[in-house]
Amino acid sequence: MVKRLSGQSVQRLAHENSEACSQTYRPWAIARILPNAKVYIVARFHNRQDADDHKRALHRFIPAAKFEIIFDPPNEEQQDNQA
């Protein structure tokens, strides 16, 4: 038997999931290189392969833009918050 969830239940589950995801650290990031040595972080990922896949998709939609994948290791404060 399949149990149906009400709209409020689905929203609550989505909110709990987003909170859990925001508390986990994502070290791989896609940075868009802008003029005047500015950098804009487009997205963050748990693994390098996901970042590579997303970067390929970005190049299809914005071919003139320059994107780089960077590894941003957690600092001590972020590591303490996860423990």
N, C-alpha and C. Protein backbone atom coordinates (compact mmCIF):
# COMPACT_ATOMS: atom_id res chain seq x y z
N MET A 1 0.83 -1.17 0.00
CA MET A 1 0.00 0.00 0.00
C MET A 1 0.88 1.25 0.00
N VAL A 2 0.56 2.20 -0.85
CA VAL A 2 1.32 3.45 -0.96
C VAL A 2 0.62 4.52 -0.13
N LYS A 3 1.40 5.18 0.70
CA LYS A 3 0.84 6.24 1.54
C LYS A 3 1.03 7.58 0.85
N ARG A 4 -0.04 8.36 0.74
CA ARG A 4 0.04 9.67 0.13
C ARG A 4 0.32 10.72 1.19
N LEU A 5 1.17 11.67 0.84
CA LEU A 5 1.51 12.75 1.76
C LEU A 5 0.74 14.00 1.38
N SER A 6 0.35 14.75 2.39
CA SER A 6 -0.32 16.02 2.12
C SER A 6 0.72 17.04 1.65
N GLY A 7 0.26 18.15 1.11
CA GLY A 7 1.17 19.19 0.63
C GLY A 7 2.06 19.73 1.74
N GLN A 8 1.50 19.86 2.96
CA GLN A 8 2.30 20.36 4.07
C GLN A 8 3.38 19.37 4.46
N SER A 9 3.07 18.08 4.41
CA SER A 9 4.07 17.06 4.74
C SER A 9 5.22 17.09 3.76
N VAL A 10 4.91 17.25 2.49
CA VAL A 10 5.95 17.30 1.46
C VAL A 10 6.83 18.53 1.67
N GLN A 11 6.21 19.67 1.96
CA GLN A 11 6.98 20.89 2.20
C GLN A 11 7.88 20.73 3.42
N ARG A 12 7.36 20.12 4.49
CA ARG A 12 8.15 19.92 5.71
C ARG A 12 9.34 19.01 5.42
N LEU A 13 9.12 17.92 4.68
CA LEU A 13 10.22 17.01 4.34
C LEU A 13 11.26 17.71 3.47
N ALA A 14 10.82 18.52 2.52
CA ALA A 14 11.75 19.24 1.65
C ALA A 14 12.57 20.23 2.48
N HIS A 15 11.92 20.90 3.43
CA HIS A 15 12.62 21.87 4.27
C HIS A 15 13.67 21.17 5.14
N GLU A 16 13.30 20.02 5.74
CA GLU A 16 14.24 19.27 6.56
C GLU A 16 15.42 18.79 5.73
N ASN A 17 15.15 18.35 4.50
CA ASN A 17 16.21 17.88 3.62
C ASN A 17 17.15 19.02 3.25
N SER A 18 16.61 20.21 2.96
CA SER A 18 17.46 21.33 2.58
C SER A 18 18.31 21.79 3.75
N GLU A 19 17.78 21.71 4.98
CA GLU A 19 18.56 22.06 6.15
C GLU A 19 19.71 21.08 6.34
N ALA A 20 19.46 19.80 6.14
CA ALA A 20 20.50 18.79 6.29
C ALA A 20 21.58 18.99 5.23
N CYS A 21 21.18 19.33 4.01
CA CYS A 21 22.15 19.55 2.94
C CYS A 21 22.98 20.80 3.19
N SER A 22 22.37 21.82 3.76
CA SER A 22 23.11 23.06 3.99
C SER A 22 24.14 22.89 5.09
N GLN A 23 23.95 21.89 5.97
CA GLN A 23 24.89 21.67 7.05
C GLN A 23 26.09 20.82 6.62
N THR A 24 25.99 20.15 5.48
CA THR A 24 27.11 19.35 4.99
C THR A 24 28.00 20.22 4.12
N TYR A 25 29.28 19.92 4.13
CA TYR A 25 30.23 20.75 3.40
C TYR A 25 30.44 20.21 1.99
N ARG A 26 30.46 21.10 1.02
CA ARG A 26 30.68 20.74 -0.38
C ARG A 26 31.97 21.41 -0.85
N PRO A 27 33.06 20.66 -0.90
CA PRO A 27 34.36 21.27 -1.19
C PRO A 27 34.61 21.62 -2.65
N TRP A 28 33.94 20.97 -3.60
CA TRP A 28 34.17 21.24 -5.01
C TRP A 28 33.23 22.36 -5.47
N ALA A 29 33.80 23.36 -6.12
CA ALA A 29 33.00 24.51 -6.56
C ALA A 29 33.32 24.86 -7.99
N ILE A 30 32.32 25.42 -8.68
CA ILE A 30 32.54 25.99 -10.01
C ILE A 30 32.58 27.49 -9.85
N ALA A 31 33.69 28.07 -10.30
CA ALA A 31 33.86 29.51 -10.22
C ALA A 31 33.80 30.09 -11.62
N ARG A 32 33.03 31.16 -11.77
CA ARG A 32 33.01 31.88 -13.04
C ARG A 32 34.03 33.00 -12.94
N ILE A 33 34.93 33.03 -13.90
CA ILE A 33 35.99 34.05 -13.92
C ILE A 33 35.43 35.28 -14.63
N LEU A 34 35.39 36.39 -13.92
CA LEU A 34 34.84 37.64 -14.43
C LEU A 34 35.96 38.63 -14.70
N PRO A 35 35.68 39.71 -15.44
CA PRO A 35 36.70 40.74 -15.67
C PRO A 35 37.18 41.37 -14.36
N ASN A 36 38.32 42.01 -14.43
CA ASN A 36 38.93 42.70 -13.28
C ASN A 36 39.24 41.74 -12.13
N ALA A 37 39.64 40.52 -12.47
CA ALA A 37 40.08 39.50 -11.50
C ALA A 37 39.01 39.17 -10.47
N LYS A 38 37.75 39.25 -10.85
CA LYS A 38 36.66 38.88 -9.94
C LYS A 38 36.25 37.44 -10.19
N VAL A 39 35.80 36.79 -9.13
CA VAL A 39 35.38 35.39 -9.20
C VAL A 39 34.00 35.27 -8.57
N TYR A 40 33.12 34.51 -9.21
CA TYR A 40 31.78 34.29 -8.71
C TYR A 40 31.57 32.78 -8.60
N ILE A 41 31.26 32.29 -7.39
CA ILE A 41 31.00 30.86 -7.20
C ILE A 41 29.59 30.56 -7.71
N VAL A 42 29.52 29.71 -8.71
CA VAL A 42 28.25 29.38 -9.35
C VAL A 42 27.53 28.28 -8.59
N ALA A 43 28.25 27.23 -8.19
CA ALA A 43 27.63 26.09 -7.51
C ALA A 43 28.69 25.33 -6.73
N ARG A 44 28.24 24.54 -5.77
CA ARG A 44 29.13 23.70 -4.97
C ARG A 44 28.65 22.25 -5.04
N PHE A 45 29.61 21.32 -4.94
CA PHE A 45 29.31 19.90 -5.09
C PHE A 45 30.10 19.07 -4.09
N HIS A 46 29.59 17.87 -3.82
CA HIS A 46 30.27 16.94 -2.92
C HIS A 46 31.43 16.23 -3.62
N ASN A 47 31.32 16.03 -4.93
CA ASN A 47 32.41 15.33 -5.62
C ASN A 47 32.77 16.03 -6.94
N ARG A 48 33.95 15.72 -7.40
CA ARG A 48 34.52 16.38 -8.58
C ARG A 48 33.74 16.03 -9.86
N GLN A 49 33.27 14.80 -9.97
CA GLN A 49 32.56 14.38 -11.17
C GLN A 49 31.29 15.19 -11.38
N ASP A 50 30.54 15.44 -10.32
CA ASP A 50 29.34 16.26 -10.44
C ASP A 50 29.69 17.67 -10.89
N ALA A 51 30.78 18.21 -10.37
CA ALA A 51 31.22 19.55 -10.77
C ALA A 51 31.60 19.57 -12.25
N ASP A 52 32.31 18.56 -12.72
CA ASP A 52 32.68 18.48 -14.13
C ASP A 52 31.44 18.41 -15.03
N ASP A 53 30.48 17.59 -14.64
CA ASP A 53 29.25 17.46 -15.43
C ASP A 53 28.50 18.78 -15.51
N HIS A 54 28.40 19.46 -14.39
CA HIS A 54 27.69 20.74 -14.37
C HIS A 54 28.43 21.80 -15.18
N LYS A 55 29.76 21.76 -15.11
CA LYS A 55 30.56 22.72 -15.89
C LYS A 55 30.34 22.52 -17.39
N ARG A 56 30.26 21.27 -17.83
CA ARG A 56 29.99 20.99 -19.24
C ARG A 56 28.64 21.55 -19.67
N ALA A 57 27.65 21.40 -18.82
CA ALA A 57 26.31 21.95 -19.12
C ALA A 57 26.35 23.48 -19.17
N LEU A 58 27.08 24.08 -18.26
CA LEU A 58 27.19 25.55 -18.27
C LEU A 58 27.83 26.05 -19.56
N HIS A 59 28.86 25.34 -20.04
CA HIS A 59 29.52 25.74 -21.29
C HIS A 59 28.58 25.64 -22.49
N ARG A 60 27.65 24.71 -22.44
CA ARG A 60 26.67 24.62 -23.53
C ARG A 60 25.75 25.82 -23.56
N PHE A 61 25.35 26.29 -22.38
CA PHE A 61 24.41 27.41 -22.30
C PHE A 61 25.07 28.78 -22.35
N ILE A 62 26.31 28.87 -21.85
CA ILE A 62 27.04 30.15 -21.84
C ILE A 62 28.45 29.90 -22.40
N PRO A 63 28.58 29.72 -23.71
CA PRO A 63 29.88 29.34 -24.28
C PRO A 63 30.96 30.41 -24.15
N ALA A 64 30.58 31.67 -24.05
CA ALA A 64 31.58 32.74 -23.96
C ALA A 64 32.17 32.90 -22.56
N ALA A 65 31.52 32.33 -21.56
CA ALA A 65 31.98 32.49 -20.17
C ALA A 65 33.13 31.52 -19.87
N LYS A 66 33.97 31.92 -18.93
CA LYS A 66 35.08 31.06 -18.49
C LYS A 66 34.77 30.54 -17.09
N PHE A 67 34.77 29.20 -16.95
CA PHE A 67 34.50 28.55 -15.68
C PHE A 67 35.69 27.70 -15.27
N GLU A 68 35.96 27.64 -13.99
CA GLU A 68 37.01 26.78 -13.45
C GLU A 68 36.45 26.00 -12.27
N ILE A 69 36.93 24.77 -12.12
CA ILE A 69 36.56 23.97 -10.96
C ILE A 69 37.65 24.15 -9.92
N ILE A 70 37.23 24.45 -8.71
CA ILE A 70 38.19 24.66 -7.63
C ILE A 70 37.86 23.74 -6.46
N PHE A 71 38.88 23.41 -5.68
CA PHE A 71 38.69 22.65 -4.45
C PHE A 71 38.89 23.62 -3.30
N ASP A 72 37.87 23.77 -2.48
CA ASP A 72 37.90 24.70 -1.37
C ASP A 72 37.84 23.90 -0.08
N PRO A 73 39.00 23.54 0.50
CA PRO A 73 38.98 22.68 1.69
C PRO A 73 38.34 23.40 2.87
N PRO A 74 37.71 22.66 3.76
CA PRO A 74 37.08 23.29 4.92
C PRO A 74 38.13 23.87 5.87
N ASN A 75 37.81 25.00 6.46
CA ASN A 75 38.71 25.54 7.48
C ASN A 75 38.36 24.92 8.81
N GLU A 76 39.11 25.25 9.86
CA GLU A 76 38.90 24.61 11.16
C GLU A 76 37.52 24.88 11.72
N GLU A 77 37.00 26.08 11.52
CA GLU A 77 35.68 26.44 12.05
C GLU A 77 34.59 25.58 11.41
N GLN A 78 34.68 25.35 10.10
CA GLN A 78 33.69 24.51 9.43
C GLN A 78 33.80 23.06 9.89
N GLN A 79 35.01 22.57 10.13
CA GLN A 79 35.19 21.21 10.60
C GLN A 79 34.63 21.04 11.99
N ASP A 80 34.81 22.04 12.86
CA ASP A 80 34.26 21.98 14.22
C ASP A 80 32.75 21.96 14.21
N ASN A 81 32.13 22.71 13.30
CA ASN A 81 30.67 22.76 13.23
C ASN A 81 30.07 21.42 12.80
N GLN A 82 30.80 20.65 12.00
CA GLN A 82 30.29 19.36 11.54
C GLN A 82 30.48 18.25 12.57
N ALA A 83 31.40 18.43 13.47
CA ALA A 83 31.69 17.37 14.46
C ALA A 83 30.65 17.32 15.55
